[in-house]
Protein backbone atom coordinates (compact mmCIF):
# COMPACT_ATOMS: atom_id res chain seq x y z
CA MET A 1 -14.44 12.29 12.08
CA ASN A 2 -11.86 9.44 11.80
CA GLN A 3 -8.17 9.74 12.62
CA GLU A 4 -7.18 9.93 8.89
CA GLN A 5 -9.49 13.08 8.45
CA LYS A 6 -8.06 14.63 11.56
CA ASP A 7 -4.54 14.15 10.26
CA THR A 8 -5.54 15.71 6.95
CA ILE A 9 -6.95 18.78 8.57
CA THR A 10 -3.99 19.13 10.99
CA THR A 11 -1.64 18.82 8.04
CA ARG A 12 -3.45 21.59 6.09
CA VAL A 13 -3.71 23.91 9.12
CA VAL A 14 -0.02 23.59 9.88
CA SER A 15 0.98 24.07 6.30
CA THR A 16 -1.32 27.20 6.00
CA ILE A 17 -0.06 28.76 9.25
CA PHE A 18 3.55 28.24 8.11
CA THR A 19 2.90 30.06 4.82
CA VAL A 20 1.19 32.98 6.66
CA LEU A 21 3.98 33.37 9.06
CA ALA A 22 6.57 33.28 6.18
CA LEU A 23 4.52 36.05 4.50
CA ALA A 24 4.37 37.97 7.68
CA ILE A 25 8.11 37.85 8.15
CA PHE A 26 9.20 38.77 4.59
CA LYS A 27 6.18 40.98 3.92
CA PRO A 28 5.92 40.69 0.05
CA PHE A 29 3.21 42.29 -1.99
CA GLY A 30 3.68 45.61 -0.23
CA LEU A 31 2.20 44.40 2.96
CA GLN A 32 4.32 46.71 5.04
CA THR A 33 2.39 49.62 3.51
CA TRP A 34 -0.87 48.36 5.17
CA GLN A 35 0.58 48.52 8.73
CA TRP A 36 -2.04 46.97 11.08
CA MET A 37 -4.32 46.04 8.18
CA ALA A 38 -1.60 43.64 7.09
CA VAL A 39 -2.85 41.23 9.75
CA VAL A 40 -6.32 41.27 8.07
CA HIS A 41 -4.85 40.71 4.70
CA LEU A 42 -2.67 37.84 5.98
CA SER A 43 -5.72 36.26 7.68
CA ALA A 44 -7.65 36.61 4.32
CA MET A 45 -4.66 34.92 2.50
CA GLY A 46 -4.81 32.15 5.04
CA CYS A 47 -8.49 31.59 4.32
CA LEU A 48 -7.69 31.42 0.68
CA GLY A 49 -5.16 28.83 1.48
CA PHE A 50 -7.76 26.69 3.12
CA VAL A 51 -10.12 27.06 0.06
CA SER A 52 -7.36 26.17 -2.17
CA CYS A 53 -6.62 23.01 -0.16
CA ALA A 54 -10.17 21.99 -0.17
CA LEU A 55 -10.28 22.32 -3.95
CA THR A 56 -7.14 20.50 -4.46
CA GLU A 57 -8.48 17.59 -2.35
CA ALA A 58 -11.61 17.42 -4.43
CA ILE A 59 -9.56 17.50 -7.60
CA LEU A 60 -7.26 14.60 -6.41
CA LYS A 61 -10.14 12.53 -5.19
CA HIS A 62 -12.68 12.96 -8.01
CA VAL A 63 -10.75 13.98 -11.08
CA ILE A 64 -7.27 12.37 -10.77
CA LYS A 65 -8.66 9.51 -8.75
CA LYS A 66 -6.08 9.60 -5.92
CA PRO A 67 -8.13 9.42 -2.72
CA ARG A 68 -6.15 9.90 0.58
CA SER A 69 -5.45 6.35 1.91
CA LEU A 70 -3.04 5.17 4.51
CA GLU A 71 -3.51 1.54 3.33
CA ARG A 72 -1.55 2.07 0.08
CA GLY A 73 1.80 2.69 1.68
CA VAL A 74 4.45 5.23 1.98
CA ASP A 75 5.20 5.61 -1.71
CA TYR A 76 1.65 6.37 -2.49
CA ILE A 77 1.30 8.96 0.22
CA ILE A 78 4.61 10.69 -1.03
CA SER A 79 3.23 10.52 -4.59
CA ARG A 80 -0.10 11.91 -3.62
CA ASN A 81 1.46 14.67 -1.64
CA LEU A 82 3.56 15.60 -4.71
CA TRP A 83 0.40 15.78 -6.82
CA PHE A 84 -1.14 17.97 -4.18
CA GLN A 85 1.69 20.44 -4.30
CA LEU A 86 1.79 20.62 -8.08
CA ILE A 87 -1.94 21.43 -8.13
CA ASN A 88 -2.32 23.49 -4.95
CA THR A 89 0.66 25.79 -5.47
CA PRO A 90 -0.44 27.47 -8.71
CA LEU A 91 -3.94 27.54 -7.39
CA VAL A 92 -3.03 29.35 -4.26
CA ALA A 93 -0.88 31.74 -6.29
CA LEU A 94 -3.79 32.55 -8.55
CA LEU A 95 -6.14 33.21 -5.66
CA ILE A 96 -3.60 35.42 -3.92
CA CYS A 97 -3.00 37.39 -7.21
CA LEU A 98 -6.81 37.95 -7.55
CA TYR A 99 -6.89 39.13 -3.93
CA ARG A 100 -3.99 41.51 -4.46
CA HIS A 101 -5.76 42.89 -7.57
CA PHE A 102 -9.23 43.43 -6.15
CA VAL A 103 -8.36 44.22 -2.48
CA MET A 104 -4.80 45.29 -2.16
CA SER A 105 -4.20 47.53 -5.19
CA ASP A 106 -5.53 50.76 -3.71
CA LEU A 107 -2.30 51.59 -1.78
CA VAL A 108 0.06 49.48 -3.87
CA PRO A 109 -0.60 49.94 -7.57
CA GLY A 110 1.80 47.29 -8.38
CA ASN A 111 -0.60 44.61 -7.12
CA VAL A 112 -2.69 44.78 -10.21
CA LEU A 113 -3.21 41.48 -12.00
CA SER A 114 -0.37 40.61 -14.32
CA TRP A 115 1.83 37.71 -15.45
CA GLY A 116 4.67 39.28 -13.57
CA ASN A 117 2.77 39.32 -10.38
CA PHE A 118 1.58 35.85 -10.87
CA LEU A 119 5.01 34.47 -11.33
CA GLU A 120 6.27 36.47 -8.28
CA THR A 121 3.47 35.02 -6.20
CA LEU A 122 4.10 31.62 -7.64
CA LEU A 123 7.71 31.65 -6.68
CA ILE A 124 6.99 32.77 -3.12
CA ILE A 125 4.33 30.09 -2.65
CA ALA A 126 6.41 27.43 -4.39
CA PHE A 127 9.27 28.25 -1.89
CA CYS A 128 6.94 27.83 1.03
CA SER A 129 5.36 24.74 -0.38
CA PHE A 130 8.79 23.21 -0.92
CA ALA A 131 9.81 23.85 2.61
CA ILE A 132 6.52 22.38 3.92
CA GLY A 133 6.81 19.53 1.68
CA LEU A 134 10.17 18.50 2.94
CA TYR A 135 9.01 18.69 6.47
CA TRP A 136 5.89 16.49 5.85
CA ARG A 137 7.84 14.10 3.60
CA PHE A 138 10.24 13.20 6.37
CA LYS A 139 7.46 13.23 9.02
CA PHE A 140 5.05 11.06 7.09
CA ARG A 141 7.73 8.66 5.96
CA SER A 142 8.92 8.04 9.55
CA LYS A 143 5.27 7.72 10.71
CA TYR A 144 4.04 5.40 7.97
CA LEU A 145 7.29 3.20 7.99
CA THR A 146 6.67 2.71 11.71
CA ALA A 147 3.07 1.96 11.14
CA GLU A 148 4.02 -0.53 8.45
CA LEU A 149 6.67 -2.27 10.69
CA MET A 150 4.01 -2.70 13.34
CA GLU A 151 1.62 -4.08 10.82
CA VAL A 152 4.11 -6.54 9.55
CA ARG A 153 4.85 -7.72 13.14
CA LEU A 154 1.08 -8.28 13.70
CA LEU A 155 0.77 -10.07 10.36
CA ASN A 156 3.62 -12.41 11.37
CA GLU A 157 2.07 -13.27 14.55
CA GLN A 158 -1.21 -14.07 12.75
CA LEU A 159 0.71 -16.09 10.12
CA GLN A 160 2.41 -18.14 12.83
CA ARG A 161 -0.82 -18.83 14.72
CA LEU A 162 -2.52 -19.82 11.29
CA GLN A 163 0.29 -22.28 10.59
CA GLN A 164 0.24 -23.83 13.99
CA GLU A 165 -3.60 -24.35 13.83
CA ALA A 166 -3.21 -25.84 10.31
CA GLU A 167 -0.46 -28.19 11.53
CA CYS A 168 -2.70 -29.25 14.44
CA ARG A 169 -5.70 -29.84 12.10
CA ASP A 170 -3.55 -31.82 9.62
CA ARG A 171 -2.29 -34.28 12.28
CA GLU A 172 -5.74 -34.65 13.68
CA ALA A 173 -7.15 -35.29 10.22
CA ASP A 174 -4.40 -37.80 9.48
CA ALA A 175 -4.91 -39.70 12.59
CA ALA A 176 -8.72 -39.84 12.17
CA ARG A 177 -8.37 -40.98 8.47
CA ILE A 178 -5.70 -43.56 8.98
CA ALA A 179 -7.05 -45.13 12.02
CA PRO A 180 -10.26 -46.79 10.50
CA MET A 181 -8.36 -47.58 7.33
CA ALA A 182 -5.73 -49.45 9.27
CA GLN A 183 -8.42 -51.37 11.09
CA ASP A 184 -9.79 -52.45 7.69
CA ASN A 185 -6.34 -53.60 6.60
CA LEU A 186 -6.31 -51.17 3.66
CA PRO A 187 -2.91 -50.69 1.91
CA ALA A 188 -0.71 -47.95 3.36
CA ALA A 189 -0.75 -45.94 0.09
CA VAL A 190 -4.53 -45.65 0.34
CA ALA A 191 -4.43 -44.87 4.00
CA THR A 192 -2.03 -42.02 3.54
CA THR A 193 -3.80 -40.38 0.60
CA ARG A 194 -4.68 -36.91 1.73
CA PRO A 195 -7.78 -34.96 0.64
CA ASP A 196 -5.70 -31.92 -0.41
CA THR A 197 -3.80 -33.86 -3.01
CA ILE A 198 -4.15 -32.20 -6.44
CA THR A 199 -2.88 -32.90 -9.93
CA LEU A 200 -1.77 -29.78 -11.79
CA THR A 201 -1.63 -30.18 -15.63
CA GLY A 202 -0.50 -28.11 -18.50
CA SER A 203 -1.26 -28.02 -22.36
CA THR A 204 1.20 -30.90 -22.88
CA SER A 205 1.36 -34.32 -21.33
CA GLU A 206 3.38 -33.17 -18.19
CA SER A 207 1.55 -33.10 -14.86
CA VAL A 208 2.49 -32.60 -11.21
CA THR A 209 0.65 -34.41 -8.35
CA LEU A 210 1.17 -32.99 -5.10
CA GLN A 211 -0.25 -32.23 -1.71
CA VAL A 212 -1.26 -28.57 -1.54
CA SER A 213 0.22 -28.16 1.80
CA ASN A 214 3.64 -29.16 0.22
CA LEU A 215 3.41 -26.46 -2.36
CA LEU A 216 5.88 -23.63 -1.84
CA TYR A 217 5.17 -21.32 -4.65
CA ALA A 218 4.46 -21.10 -8.38
CA GLU A 219 6.26 -18.83 -10.65
CA ALA A 220 5.38 -17.62 -14.23
CA VAL A 221 8.42 -18.17 -16.59
CA GLY A 222 7.42 -17.15 -20.10
CA ASN A 223 4.91 -19.69 -21.34
CA TYR A 224 5.60 -22.03 -18.45
CA MET A 225 4.83 -22.22 -14.69
CA LYS A 226 7.55 -23.34 -12.46
CA ILE A 227 6.03 -25.37 -9.57
CA ILE A 228 8.27 -25.45 -6.51
CA TRP A 229 7.04 -28.05 -3.84
CA LEU A 230 8.25 -30.43 -1.28
CA HIS A 231 8.71 -34.07 -2.25
CA ASN A 232 9.94 -36.44 0.45
CA GLY A 233 11.15 -33.57 2.39
CA LYS A 234 13.29 -32.09 -0.45
CA VAL A 235 12.57 -29.04 -2.59
CA ARG A 236 11.55 -29.99 -6.16
CA SER A 237 10.96 -27.96 -9.21
CA ASP A 238 8.77 -28.89 -12.13
CA MET A 239 7.79 -26.98 -15.34
CA LEU A 240 4.28 -27.01 -16.74
CA ARG A 241 3.36 -25.40 -19.98
CA THR A 242 0.35 -23.47 -18.69
CA THR A 243 -0.60 -19.96 -17.40
CA SER A 244 -0.61 -18.35 -14.13
CA LYS A 245 -4.21 -17.78 -14.36
CA ARG A 246 -4.91 -21.55 -15.09
CA ILE A 247 -2.91 -22.63 -12.01
CA GLU A 248 -4.72 -19.97 -9.86
CA GLU A 249 -8.00 -21.34 -10.98
CA ASP A 250 -6.96 -24.89 -10.06
CA LEU A 251 -5.95 -23.88 -6.62
CA HIS A 252 -8.81 -21.42 -6.00
CA ARG A 253 -10.37 -23.93 -3.37
CA TYR A 254 -7.33 -23.45 -1.16
CA PRO A 255 -7.51 -20.01 0.58
CA MET A 256 -3.94 -20.38 1.84
CA VAL A 257 -2.68 -20.10 -1.80
CA VAL A 258 -2.76 -16.52 -3.02
CA ARG A 259 -1.26 -14.32 -5.62
CA CYS A 260 1.40 -12.05 -4.15
CA HIS A 261 2.76 -10.74 -7.44
CA ARG A 262 1.73 -10.95 -11.13
CA ALA A 263 4.49 -13.66 -11.52
CA PHE A 264 4.00 -15.52 -8.20
CA LEU A 265 1.44 -17.70 -6.42
CA VAL A 266 2.43 -18.53 -2.82
CA ASN A 267 1.31 -20.90 -0.22
CA LEU A 268 1.04 -18.89 3.01
CA HIS A 269 1.60 -21.99 5.02
CA GLN A 270 5.09 -22.23 3.72
CA VAL A 271 5.96 -18.69 4.51
CA GLU A 272 8.43 -18.38 7.42
CA GLN A 273 8.03 -14.62 7.97
CA ILE A 274 6.99 -11.40 6.21
CA VAL A 275 9.54 -8.65 5.98
CA SER A 276 9.18 -4.96 5.08
CA SER A 277 11.77 -2.65 3.79
CA SER A 278 11.34 1.00 2.47
CA GLY A 279 7.64 0.54 2.06
CA SER A 280 7.95 -2.86 0.16
CA MET A 281 6.97 -6.19 1.47
CA ARG A 282 8.59 -9.57 0.79
CA LEU A 283 7.64 -13.16 1.80
CA VAL A 284 10.47 -15.36 3.17
CA LEU A 285 9.86 -19.00 2.42
CA LYS A 286 10.70 -22.11 4.50
CA HIS A 287 12.85 -24.86 3.08
CA CYS A 288 14.58 -22.59 0.55
CA ASP A 289 16.42 -19.41 0.29
CA GLU A 290 13.79 -17.76 -1.81
CA ASN A 291 11.80 -14.57 -0.75
CA LEU A 292 9.04 -13.42 -2.96
CA PRO A 293 7.95 -9.91 -3.68
CA VAL A 294 4.47 -8.54 -2.78
CA SER A 295 3.31 -6.09 -5.37
CA ARG A 296 1.34 -2.94 -4.32
CA SER A 297 -1.72 -4.30 -6.25
CA ASN A 298 -1.70 -7.55 -4.37
CA MET A 299 -0.65 -6.35 -0.93
CA ALA A 300 -4.27 -5.93 0.25
CA GLN A 301 -5.16 -9.35 -1.05
CA VAL A 302 -2.22 -11.03 0.87
CA LYS A 303 -3.15 -9.30 4.13
CA GLU A 304 -6.79 -10.24 3.81
CA ALA A 305 -5.84 -13.94 3.01
CA ILE A 306 -3.93 -14.09 6.23
CA LYS A 307 -6.72 -12.71 8.33
CA GLY A 308 -9.41 -14.49 6.19
CA VAL A 309 -7.80 -17.86 6.28
CA ARG A 310 -7.28 -17.69 9.97
CA ASN A 311 -10.90 -16.57 10.62
CA GLU A 312 -11.97 -19.54 8.49
CA SER A 313 -9.78 -21.91 10.40
CA GLN A 314 -11.19 -20.64 13.71
CA GLY A 315 -14.77 -20.93 12.34
């Protein structure tokens, strides 16, 4: 059993105990009439709560397609917990109503199954669920935000190591390539041509020739792609009439260039740092004041790219 499963079980156990204690204090459903037997009924309702939680988890995972996942961030967890409450609350109320009807109606005739009893039970369980939800919302938000900040710190460390290793490799490659060319008295323009030079073209005659290491990012702007890159140490912007998909295909050989958002492709070697705020992630770029958003759908890809590119560089 992994830590995530343990956390899920702990959450459900604490929530069920809280609900049972609330019922024990306020004694609805005529529980005071049963005296010591009320403990048995409360225990049975607690078991029904566990059954309901298991059923709700199965519905969320297999029907609504919302599996429990810490990787998808705080907003996903909070959204999933809200779905859990919306499904689990009426389900628990229904199970308790059935229990009241078949088991607790001997001494309390008012426990027979009816719409009135269902609404009464639903309001009580909804109140308990609301109180529990507030508690877990703040607890989980604090926990996952802390985890995200820790993850961002580790990603920044990996990113810095990646960039340092890339700079060292580039210097060594330049020195190894220029030295024999200089001995052969080749022109400087030929000697300084880098293997990562690429020409990006569009549907018109415009084109941009650049070293991929100098690319900052590419942004989709209507029917155009805005290419932001370094030219002689200065930030330059060029527009190409093309698609984001076409540019992504042209740059697919360079693992440091990844899609961080449906409108942005970014060069990880030109990212100064990664910042996280309220569960969202942004990439702060070097040489300019831009910071690019990382969408939820692309967050895993960016993380894997940082780890994957680094592993490739070490290999």
